[in-house]
Amino acid sequence: MTERFDVAYLILSGTTTASRCPEILRGLVGLGFRTVIAIPTPHASRVIAARDLAEVEGVRVVESYFDAAIRPRPPFGVVLFAPCGFNSLNKFAHGIADTLALSVAAEAVGRRTPVIVGPSLNQALMDHPVARASLARLPEWGVTIVPPATDSGGPRLAATERLLDAVRPYAPKH
């Protein structure tokens, strides 16, 4: 039986597809999570403002280790890391936790709570040897990869519904 959680995290990195995050957050709230926490990487603010994330009813945006929502340590929950850009993907797969977002994702792997990654890379970056190695390594740690949509020339991210389908088994029953 799959463990269910009251908390869902959306970790987002600074790719152009981060503009879709309010839609993804609304979907997480709609799945019935009591707490939905958005954690942008520092570069995500170049693509989407924290206020655009915070405007989604029921979402808490956390940008500091000192935020009460994650103190004294982040609560157990399912982590959706989408969009996950090239830099974040490779840092995550190499155990580099130099931001709050990457630290929360790394801790979830160590706790063995569900982590779902939605890479957002163009085809050239998907074909890069380091990205291929990272995408192969993460499932060895129990991370679920939701492959991106077909190439449109720019960064790609799986459809919101496919990302939410990967999270749905961990949502509270409602």
N, C-alpha and C. Protein backbone atom coordinates (compact mmCIF):
# COMPACT_ATOMS: atom_id res chain seq x y z
N MET A 1 0.85 -1.19 0.00
CA MET A 1 0.00 0.00 0.00
C MET A 1 0.89 1.25 0.00
N THR A 2 0.57 2.22 -0.81
CA THR A 2 1.33 3.46 -0.94
C THR A 2 1.03 4.38 0.23
N GLU A 3 2.11 4.93 0.81
CA GLU A 3 1.93 5.89 1.90
C GLU A 3 1.35 7.19 1.34
N ARG A 4 0.45 7.77 2.10
CA ARG A 4 -0.17 9.04 1.71
C ARG A 4 0.33 10.14 2.63
N PHE A 5 0.32 11.36 2.12
CA PHE A 5 0.88 12.49 2.85
C PHE A 5 -0.10 13.66 2.87
N ASP A 6 0.01 14.48 3.91
CA ASP A 6 -0.78 15.70 4.00
C ASP A 6 -0.06 16.89 3.39
N VAL A 7 1.25 16.73 3.14
CA VAL A 7 2.08 17.82 2.65
C VAL A 7 2.61 17.49 1.27
N ALA A 8 2.55 18.48 0.38
CA ALA A 8 3.17 18.37 -0.95
C ALA A 8 4.07 19.57 -1.15
N TYR A 9 5.23 19.32 -1.72
CA TYR A 9 6.18 20.37 -2.08
C TYR A 9 6.22 20.48 -3.59
N LEU A 10 6.28 21.71 -4.07
CA LEU A 10 6.63 21.95 -5.47
C LEU A 10 7.94 22.72 -5.46
N ILE A 11 8.99 22.07 -5.92
CA ILE A 11 10.28 22.73 -6.06
C ILE A 11 10.40 23.10 -7.53
N LEU A 12 10.76 24.35 -7.80
CA LEU A 12 10.83 24.80 -9.18
C LEU A 12 12.13 25.51 -9.44
N SER A 13 12.70 25.22 -10.60
CA SER A 13 13.96 25.87 -10.96
C SER A 13 13.71 26.90 -12.06
N GLY A 14 14.74 27.64 -12.38
CA GLY A 14 14.62 28.80 -13.27
C GLY A 14 14.65 28.48 -14.74
N THR A 15 13.68 27.75 -15.23
CA THR A 15 13.54 27.54 -16.66
C THR A 15 12.27 28.27 -17.11
N THR A 16 12.14 28.50 -18.40
CA THR A 16 10.98 29.24 -18.89
C THR A 16 9.67 28.55 -18.56
N THR A 17 9.68 27.25 -18.38
CA THR A 17 8.44 26.54 -18.06
C THR A 17 7.99 26.76 -16.62
N ALA A 18 8.78 27.46 -15.81
CA ALA A 18 8.36 27.78 -14.44
C ALA A 18 7.09 28.64 -14.44
N SER A 19 6.81 29.29 -15.55
CA SER A 19 5.59 30.09 -15.64
C SER A 19 4.34 29.23 -15.50
N ARG A 20 4.46 27.92 -15.66
CA ARG A 20 3.32 27.00 -15.50
C ARG A 20 3.07 26.61 -14.05
N CYS A 21 3.93 27.03 -13.14
CA CYS A 21 3.82 26.56 -11.76
C CYS A 21 2.53 26.94 -11.04
N PRO A 22 1.93 28.11 -11.25
CA PRO A 22 0.63 28.34 -10.60
C PRO A 22 -0.41 27.28 -10.96
N GLU A 23 -0.42 26.84 -12.21
CA GLU A 23 -1.34 25.78 -12.64
C GLU A 23 -1.02 24.47 -11.91
N ILE A 24 0.25 24.14 -11.79
CA ILE A 24 0.65 22.91 -11.10
C ILE A 24 0.27 23.01 -9.63
N LEU A 25 0.49 24.18 -9.01
CA LEU A 25 0.12 24.37 -7.61
C LEU A 25 -1.38 24.22 -7.40
N ARG A 26 -2.19 24.79 -8.29
CA ARG A 26 -3.64 24.63 -8.17
C ARG A 26 -4.01 23.14 -8.24
N GLY A 27 -3.31 22.40 -9.08
CA GLY A 27 -3.56 20.97 -9.18
C GLY A 27 -3.21 20.23 -7.90
N LEU A 28 -2.10 20.60 -7.26
CA LEU A 28 -1.72 19.97 -5.99
C LEU A 28 -2.74 20.28 -4.90
N VAL A 29 -3.19 21.52 -4.84
CA VAL A 29 -4.23 21.89 -3.87
C VAL A 29 -5.49 21.07 -4.14
N GLY A 30 -5.83 20.92 -5.41
CA GLY A 30 -7.01 20.16 -5.79
C GLY A 30 -6.93 18.68 -5.45
N LEU A 31 -5.72 18.16 -5.28
CA LEU A 31 -5.57 16.75 -4.88
C LEU A 31 -5.85 16.54 -3.40
N GLY A 32 -6.04 17.62 -2.65
CA GLY A 32 -6.44 17.50 -1.25
C GLY A 32 -5.33 17.58 -0.23
N PHE A 33 -4.13 17.98 -0.63
CA PHE A 33 -3.06 18.13 0.35
C PHE A 33 -3.42 19.25 1.32
N ARG A 34 -3.25 19.00 2.61
CA ARG A 34 -3.54 20.00 3.64
C ARG A 34 -2.59 21.17 3.53
N THR A 35 -1.32 20.88 3.21
CA THR A 35 -0.29 21.91 3.08
C THR A 35 0.42 21.74 1.75
N VAL A 36 0.50 22.83 0.98
CA VAL A 36 1.25 22.83 -0.28
C VAL A 36 2.29 23.93 -0.15
N ILE A 37 3.55 23.53 -0.29
CA ILE A 37 4.68 24.45 -0.11
C ILE A 37 5.43 24.56 -1.44
N ALA A 38 5.57 25.79 -1.92
CA ALA A 38 6.37 26.04 -3.13
C ALA A 38 7.74 26.54 -2.70
N ILE A 39 8.78 25.93 -3.26
CA ILE A 39 10.15 26.34 -2.95
C ILE A 39 10.88 26.60 -4.26
N PRO A 40 11.00 27.87 -4.64
CA PRO A 40 11.74 28.19 -5.86
C PRO A 40 13.25 28.19 -5.62
N THR A 41 14.00 27.79 -6.63
CA THR A 41 15.45 27.97 -6.56
C THR A 41 15.73 29.46 -6.72
N PRO A 42 16.92 29.92 -6.38
CA PRO A 42 17.21 31.34 -6.55
C PRO A 42 17.01 31.83 -7.99
N HIS A 43 17.29 31.00 -8.98
CA HIS A 43 17.14 31.43 -10.37
C HIS A 43 15.69 31.41 -10.84
N ALA A 44 14.81 30.75 -10.13
CA ALA A 44 13.40 30.72 -10.54
C ALA A 44 12.80 32.12 -10.53
N SER A 45 13.29 32.98 -9.64
CA SER A 45 12.74 34.34 -9.57
C SER A 45 13.01 35.14 -10.84
N ARG A 46 13.88 34.67 -11.69
CA ARG A 46 14.11 35.33 -12.97
C ARG A 46 13.01 35.03 -13.98
N VAL A 47 12.22 34.01 -13.67
CA VAL A 47 11.18 33.56 -14.59
C VAL A 47 9.78 33.82 -14.03
N ILE A 48 9.61 33.66 -12.73
CA ILE A 48 8.30 33.83 -12.10
C ILE A 48 8.48 34.46 -10.73
N ALA A 49 7.63 35.41 -10.41
CA ALA A 49 7.70 36.10 -9.12
C ALA A 49 7.07 35.23 -8.03
N ALA A 50 7.65 35.29 -6.85
CA ALA A 50 7.10 34.54 -5.71
C ALA A 50 5.64 34.91 -5.47
N ARG A 51 5.29 36.17 -5.72
CA ARG A 51 3.89 36.59 -5.48
C ARG A 51 2.93 35.85 -6.41
N ASP A 52 3.38 35.50 -7.63
CA ASP A 52 2.52 34.74 -8.54
C ASP A 52 2.26 33.34 -8.01
N LEU A 53 3.21 32.80 -7.29
CA LEU A 53 3.03 31.48 -6.65
C LEU A 53 2.14 31.63 -5.42
N ALA A 54 2.40 32.67 -4.63
CA ALA A 54 1.67 32.88 -3.37
C ALA A 54 0.20 33.23 -3.61
N GLU A 55 -0.13 33.72 -4.79
CA GLU A 55 -1.52 34.07 -5.09
C GLU A 55 -2.42 32.85 -5.24
N VAL A 56 -1.83 31.68 -5.38
CA VAL A 56 -2.63 30.46 -5.47
C VAL A 56 -3.12 30.13 -4.07
N GLU A 57 -4.42 30.13 -3.91
CA GLU A 57 -5.01 29.90 -2.59
C GLU A 57 -4.59 28.54 -2.04
N GLY A 58 -4.14 28.54 -0.79
CA GLY A 58 -3.73 27.31 -0.12
C GLY A 58 -2.25 27.00 -0.27
N VAL A 59 -1.47 27.89 -0.89
CA VAL A 59 -0.05 27.64 -1.12
C VAL A 59 0.79 28.55 -0.26
N ARG A 60 1.82 27.99 0.29
CA ARG A 60 2.81 28.74 1.07
C ARG A 60 4.11 28.74 0.30
N VAL A 61 4.67 29.92 0.02
CA VAL A 61 5.95 30.04 -0.65
C VAL A 61 7.04 30.16 0.40
N VAL A 62 8.04 29.31 0.31
CA VAL A 62 9.14 29.29 1.28
C VAL A 62 10.43 29.58 0.53
N GLU A 63 11.13 30.63 0.98
CA GLU A 63 12.39 31.00 0.34
C GLU A 63 13.54 31.09 1.34
N SER A 64 13.28 30.67 2.58
CA SER A 64 14.30 30.79 3.61
C SER A 64 14.27 29.57 4.53
N TYR A 65 15.44 29.18 4.98
CA TYR A 65 15.55 28.08 5.95
C TYR A 65 14.85 28.45 7.26
N PHE A 66 14.58 29.72 7.47
CA PHE A 66 14.00 30.19 8.73
C PHE A 66 12.49 30.30 8.69
N ASP A 67 11.87 29.94 7.58
CA ASP A 67 10.41 30.01 7.47
C ASP A 67 9.78 28.97 8.41
N ALA A 68 8.77 29.40 9.14
CA ALA A 68 8.11 28.52 10.13
C ALA A 68 7.52 27.26 9.49
N ALA A 69 7.18 27.31 8.21
CA ALA A 69 6.57 26.15 7.54
C ALA A 69 7.52 24.96 7.46
N ILE A 70 8.82 25.21 7.56
CA ILE A 70 9.79 24.11 7.43
C ILE A 70 10.71 23.99 8.64
N ARG A 71 10.38 24.68 9.72
CA ARG A 71 11.21 24.60 10.93
C ARG A 71 10.59 23.66 11.93
N PRO A 72 11.31 22.89 12.70
CA PRO A 72 12.76 22.86 12.72
C PRO A 72 13.36 22.09 11.56
N ARG A 73 12.53 21.28 10.88
CA ARG A 73 12.98 20.63 9.64
C ARG A 73 11.74 20.45 8.78
N PRO A 74 11.92 20.33 7.48
CA PRO A 74 10.76 20.22 6.59
C PRO A 74 9.89 19.02 6.96
N PRO A 75 8.56 19.23 7.02
CA PRO A 75 7.68 18.10 7.34
C PRO A 75 7.73 17.05 6.23
N PHE A 76 7.45 15.82 6.60
CA PHE A 76 7.41 14.74 5.62
C PHE A 76 6.33 15.05 4.59
N GLY A 77 6.62 14.79 3.33
CA GLY A 77 5.66 15.01 2.27
C GLY A 77 6.22 14.53 0.95
N VAL A 78 5.37 14.55 -0.04
CA VAL A 78 5.77 14.19 -1.39
C VAL A 78 6.39 15.42 -2.04
N VAL A 79 7.48 15.23 -2.78
CA VAL A 79 8.19 16.32 -3.43
C VAL A 79 8.03 16.18 -4.94
N LEU A 80 7.51 17.23 -5.56
CA LEU A 80 7.47 17.33 -7.01
C LEU A 80 8.46 18.41 -7.40
N PHE A 81 9.50 18.03 -8.11
CA PHE A 81 10.54 18.96 -8.56
C PHE A 81 10.29 19.20 -10.04
N ALA A 82 9.47 20.23 -10.33
CA ALA A 82 9.08 20.50 -11.72
C ALA A 82 8.72 21.98 -11.87
N PRO A 83 9.32 22.67 -12.76
CA PRO A 83 10.32 22.18 -13.69
C PRO A 83 11.69 22.05 -13.05
N CYS A 84 12.41 21.06 -13.48
CA CYS A 84 13.77 20.83 -13.02
C CYS A 84 14.70 21.05 -14.21
N GLY A 85 15.40 22.16 -14.19
CA GLY A 85 16.29 22.52 -15.30
C GLY A 85 17.61 21.76 -15.25
N PHE A 86 18.41 21.97 -16.25
CA PHE A 86 19.69 21.27 -16.43
C PHE A 86 20.59 21.40 -15.20
N ASN A 87 20.82 22.60 -14.73
CA ASN A 87 21.71 22.82 -13.60
C ASN A 87 21.18 22.13 -12.34
N SER A 88 19.90 22.33 -12.04
CA SER A 88 19.32 21.71 -10.84
C SER A 88 19.31 20.20 -10.93
N LEU A 89 18.99 19.67 -12.10
CA LEU A 89 18.97 18.22 -12.30
C LEU A 89 20.33 17.62 -11.98
N ASN A 90 21.37 18.22 -12.52
CA ASN A 90 22.70 17.66 -12.34
C ASN A 90 23.23 17.87 -10.93
N LYS A 91 22.93 19.00 -10.32
CA LYS A 91 23.32 19.20 -8.93
C LYS A 91 22.62 18.17 -8.04
N PHE A 92 21.32 18.00 -8.23
CA PHE A 92 20.54 17.06 -7.43
C PHE A 92 21.11 15.65 -7.55
N ALA A 93 21.39 15.21 -8.77
CA ALA A 93 21.89 13.86 -9.01
C ALA A 93 23.31 13.65 -8.52
N HIS A 94 24.01 14.73 -8.23
CA HIS A 94 25.37 14.64 -7.71
C HIS A 94 25.44 14.99 -6.22
N GLY A 95 24.28 15.10 -5.58
CA GLY A 95 24.24 15.32 -4.14
C GLY A 95 24.63 16.72 -3.71
N ILE A 96 24.54 17.68 -4.60
CA ILE A 96 24.86 19.06 -4.25
C ILE A 96 23.59 19.74 -3.76
N ALA A 97 23.63 20.22 -2.54
CA ALA A 97 22.47 20.84 -1.91
C ALA A 97 22.84 22.25 -1.46
N ASP A 98 23.16 23.10 -2.43
CA ASP A 98 23.64 24.44 -2.11
C ASP A 98 22.53 25.50 -2.10
N THR A 99 21.28 25.07 -2.21
CA THR A 99 20.14 25.96 -2.08
C THR A 99 19.10 25.27 -1.20
N LEU A 100 18.16 26.04 -0.69
CA LEU A 100 17.08 25.47 0.10
C LEU A 100 16.32 24.42 -0.72
N ALA A 101 16.02 24.74 -1.97
CA ALA A 101 15.26 23.81 -2.82
C ALA A 101 15.98 22.47 -2.96
N LEU A 102 17.26 22.52 -3.28
CA LEU A 102 18.02 21.28 -3.44
C LEU A 102 18.19 20.55 -2.10
N SER A 103 18.30 21.28 -1.01
CA SER A 103 18.41 20.65 0.31
C SER A 103 17.14 19.89 0.67
N VAL A 104 15.99 20.48 0.40
CA VAL A 104 14.72 19.80 0.70
C VAL A 104 14.58 18.54 -0.17
N ALA A 105 14.94 18.64 -1.44
CA ALA A 105 14.88 17.47 -2.31
C ALA A 105 15.84 16.37 -1.84
N ALA A 106 17.06 16.77 -1.47
CA ALA A 106 18.04 15.80 -0.99
C ALA A 106 17.58 15.13 0.29
N GLU A 107 17.02 15.92 1.20
CA GLU A 107 16.54 15.34 2.46
C GLU A 107 15.40 14.35 2.20
N ALA A 108 14.53 14.65 1.24
CA ALA A 108 13.44 13.73 0.93
C ALA A 108 13.98 12.39 0.43
N VAL A 109 15.03 12.42 -0.38
CA VAL A 109 15.64 11.17 -0.84
C VAL A 109 16.18 10.40 0.36
N GLY A 110 16.87 11.09 1.25
CA GLY A 110 17.41 10.44 2.44
C GLY A 110 16.34 9.89 3.37
N ARG A 111 15.21 10.55 3.42
CA ARG A 111 14.09 10.09 4.26
C ARG A 111 13.30 8.97 3.59
N ARG A 112 13.56 8.77 2.31
CA ARG A 112 12.83 7.80 1.50
C ARG A 112 11.36 8.18 1.33
N THR A 113 11.10 9.49 1.29
CA THR A 113 9.76 9.95 0.93
C THR A 113 9.75 10.16 -0.58
N PRO A 114 8.58 10.13 -1.20
CA PRO A 114 8.52 10.19 -2.65
C PRO A 114 9.06 11.50 -3.23
N VAL A 115 9.87 11.37 -4.27
CA VAL A 115 10.39 12.50 -5.02
C VAL A 115 10.10 12.22 -6.49
N ILE A 116 9.46 13.18 -7.13
CA ILE A 116 9.10 13.08 -8.54
C ILE A 116 9.76 14.25 -9.24
N VAL A 117 10.48 13.96 -10.31
CA VAL A 117 11.20 15.01 -11.05
C VAL A 117 10.61 15.13 -12.45
N GLY A 118 10.26 16.36 -12.80
CA GLY A 118 9.82 16.68 -14.16
C GLY A 118 10.88 17.53 -14.83
N PRO A 119 11.82 16.89 -15.55
CA PRO A 119 12.87 17.66 -16.20
C PRO A 119 12.28 18.62 -17.24
N SER A 120 12.90 19.78 -17.34
CA SER A 120 12.51 20.76 -18.35
C SER A 120 13.76 21.17 -19.10
N LEU A 121 14.04 20.42 -20.16
CA LEU A 121 15.26 20.62 -20.94
C LEU A 121 14.92 20.58 -22.42
N ASN A 122 15.66 21.34 -23.22
CA ASN A 122 15.50 21.19 -24.66
C ASN A 122 16.20 19.90 -25.08
N GLN A 123 16.04 19.52 -26.34
CA GLN A 123 16.58 18.23 -26.78
C GLN A 123 18.09 18.16 -26.66
N ALA A 124 18.78 19.24 -26.98
CA ALA A 124 20.25 19.23 -26.89
C ALA A 124 20.70 18.97 -25.45
N LEU A 125 20.01 19.57 -24.47
CA LEU A 125 20.39 19.33 -23.07
C LEU A 125 19.96 17.94 -22.61
N MET A 126 18.83 17.44 -23.11
CA MET A 126 18.43 16.07 -22.78
C MET A 126 19.47 15.07 -23.29
N ASP A 127 20.10 15.40 -24.41
CA ASP A 127 21.09 14.51 -25.00
C ASP A 127 22.49 14.68 -24.41
N HIS A 128 22.68 15.67 -23.56
CA HIS A 128 23.99 15.90 -22.95
C HIS A 128 24.35 14.69 -22.08
N PRO A 129 25.58 14.21 -22.14
CA PRO A 129 25.97 13.02 -21.38
C PRO A 129 25.73 13.15 -19.87
N VAL A 130 25.95 14.32 -19.31
CA VAL A 130 25.75 14.48 -17.86
C VAL A 130 24.27 14.41 -17.52
N ALA A 131 23.41 15.02 -18.33
CA ALA A 131 21.96 14.94 -18.08
C ALA A 131 21.48 13.50 -18.19
N ARG A 132 21.94 12.78 -19.20
CA ARG A 132 21.55 11.37 -19.35
C ARG A 132 21.98 10.56 -18.13
N ALA A 133 23.20 10.81 -17.65
CA ALA A 133 23.68 10.09 -16.47
C ALA A 133 22.86 10.46 -15.23
N SER A 134 22.50 11.72 -15.10
CA SER A 134 21.69 12.16 -13.95
C SER A 134 20.31 11.52 -13.99
N LEU A 135 19.71 11.49 -15.17
CA LEU A 135 18.38 10.89 -15.31
C LEU A 135 18.41 9.39 -15.07
N ALA A 136 19.55 8.75 -15.29
CA ALA A 136 19.69 7.32 -14.99
C ALA A 136 19.96 7.09 -13.51
N ARG A 137 20.69 7.99 -12.87
CA ARG A 137 21.07 7.83 -11.46
C ARG A 137 19.87 8.02 -10.51
N LEU A 138 19.07 9.04 -10.76
CA LEU A 138 18.00 9.37 -9.81
C LEU A 138 17.03 8.21 -9.54
N PRO A 139 16.58 7.46 -10.55
CA PRO A 139 15.70 6.32 -10.26
C PRO A 139 16.36 5.27 -9.36
N GLU A 140 17.68 5.17 -9.40
CA GLU A 140 18.38 4.25 -8.49
C GLU A 140 18.16 4.64 -7.04
N TRP A 141 17.86 5.89 -6.80
CA TRP A 141 17.61 6.41 -5.45
C TRP A 141 16.12 6.38 -5.11
N GLY A 142 15.29 5.87 -6.01
CA GLY A 142 13.86 5.83 -5.77
C GLY A 142 13.11 7.02 -6.32
N VAL A 143 13.79 7.90 -7.05
CA VAL A 143 13.15 9.08 -7.63
C VAL A 143 12.41 8.68 -8.90
N THR A 144 11.19 9.19 -9.05
CA THR A 144 10.39 8.96 -10.25
C THR A 144 10.65 10.10 -11.23
N ILE A 145 10.91 9.75 -12.48
CA ILE A 145 11.12 10.74 -13.53
C ILE A 145 9.87 10.77 -14.42
N VAL A 146 9.31 11.95 -14.62
CA VAL A 146 8.20 12.13 -15.56
C VAL A 146 8.81 12.77 -16.80
N PRO A 147 8.99 11.99 -17.87
CA PRO A 147 9.67 12.52 -19.05
C PRO A 147 8.99 13.76 -19.62
N PRO A 148 9.79 14.64 -20.21
CA PRO A 148 9.20 15.85 -20.80
C PRO A 148 8.37 15.54 -22.03
N ALA A 149 7.56 16.51 -22.41
CA ALA A 149 6.75 16.41 -23.63
C ALA A 149 7.67 16.37 -24.84
N THR A 150 7.09 16.10 -25.98
CA THR A 150 7.88 16.08 -27.21
C THR A 150 8.51 17.44 -27.47
N ASP A 151 9.62 17.43 -28.16
CA ASP A 151 10.42 18.64 -28.38
C ASP A 151 9.65 19.70 -29.15
N SER A 152 9.66 20.89 -28.59
CA SER A 152 9.06 22.04 -29.27
C SER A 152 10.15 23.05 -29.64
N GLY A 153 11.40 22.64 -29.50
CA GLY A 153 12.51 23.53 -29.80
C GLY A 153 13.12 24.14 -28.55
N GLY A 154 12.30 24.50 -27.59
CA GLY A 154 12.78 25.10 -26.35
C GLY A 154 12.69 24.12 -25.22
N PRO A 155 12.85 24.59 -23.99
CA PRO A 155 12.70 23.70 -22.84
C PRO A 155 11.32 23.06 -22.83
N ARG A 156 11.27 21.83 -22.38
CA ARG A 156 10.02 21.09 -22.37
C ARG A 156 9.73 20.64 -20.95
N LEU A 157 8.49 20.42 -20.65
CA LEU A 157 8.05 19.89 -19.37
C LEU A 157 6.82 19.06 -19.64
N ALA A 158 6.70 17.95 -18.94
CA ALA A 158 5.52 17.10 -19.11
C ALA A 158 4.25 17.90 -18.86
N ALA A 159 3.18 17.46 -19.44
CA ALA A 159 1.88 18.11 -19.22
C ALA A 159 1.56 18.09 -17.73
N THR A 160 0.89 19.14 -17.28
CA THR A 160 0.54 19.26 -15.86
C THR A 160 -0.18 18.01 -15.38
N GLU A 161 -1.11 17.50 -16.16
CA GLU A 161 -1.89 16.33 -15.74
C GLU A 161 -0.98 15.11 -15.53
N ARG A 162 0.04 14.93 -16.37
CA ARG A 162 0.98 13.81 -16.19
C ARG A 162 1.78 13.98 -14.90
N LEU A 163 2.17 15.21 -14.58
CA LEU A 163 2.89 15.47 -13.33
C LEU A 163 1.99 15.17 -12.14
N LEU A 164 0.74 15.63 -12.20
CA LEU A 164 -0.20 15.39 -11.10
C LEU A 164 -0.54 13.91 -10.97
N ASP A 165 -0.61 13.19 -12.08
CA ASP A 165 -0.86 11.74 -12.03
C ASP A 165 0.25 11.03 -11.25
N ALA A 166 1.49 11.52 -11.37
CA ALA A 166 2.60 10.91 -10.64
C ALA A 166 2.50 11.19 -9.14
N VAL A 167 1.89 12.30 -8.77
CA VAL A 167 1.75 12.67 -7.36
C VAL A 167 0.50 12.04 -6.74
N ARG A 168 -0.54 11.84 -7.53
CA ARG A 168 -1.85 11.41 -7.05
C ARG A 168 -1.82 10.20 -6.09
N PRO A 169 -1.01 9.18 -6.32
CA PRO A 169 -1.03 8.03 -5.39
C PRO A 169 -0.63 8.40 -3.96
N TYR A 170 0.04 9.53 -3.77
CA TYR A 170 0.52 9.94 -2.44
C TYR A 170 -0.40 10.96 -1.78
N ALA A 171 -1.43 11.38 -2.51
CA ALA A 171 -2.36 12.40 -1.99
C ALA A 171 -3.26 11.79 -0.92
N PRO A 172 -3.70 12.63 0.02
CA PRO A 172 -4.63 12.12 1.03
C PRO A 172 -5.93 11.66 0.38
N LYS A 173 -6.55 10.68 0.98
CA LYS A 173 -7.85 10.26 0.47
C LYS A 173 -8.85 11.36 0.78
N HIS A 174 -9.70 11.63 -0.19
CA HIS A 174 -10.75 12.64 0.08
C HIS A 174 -12.06 12.23 -0.54
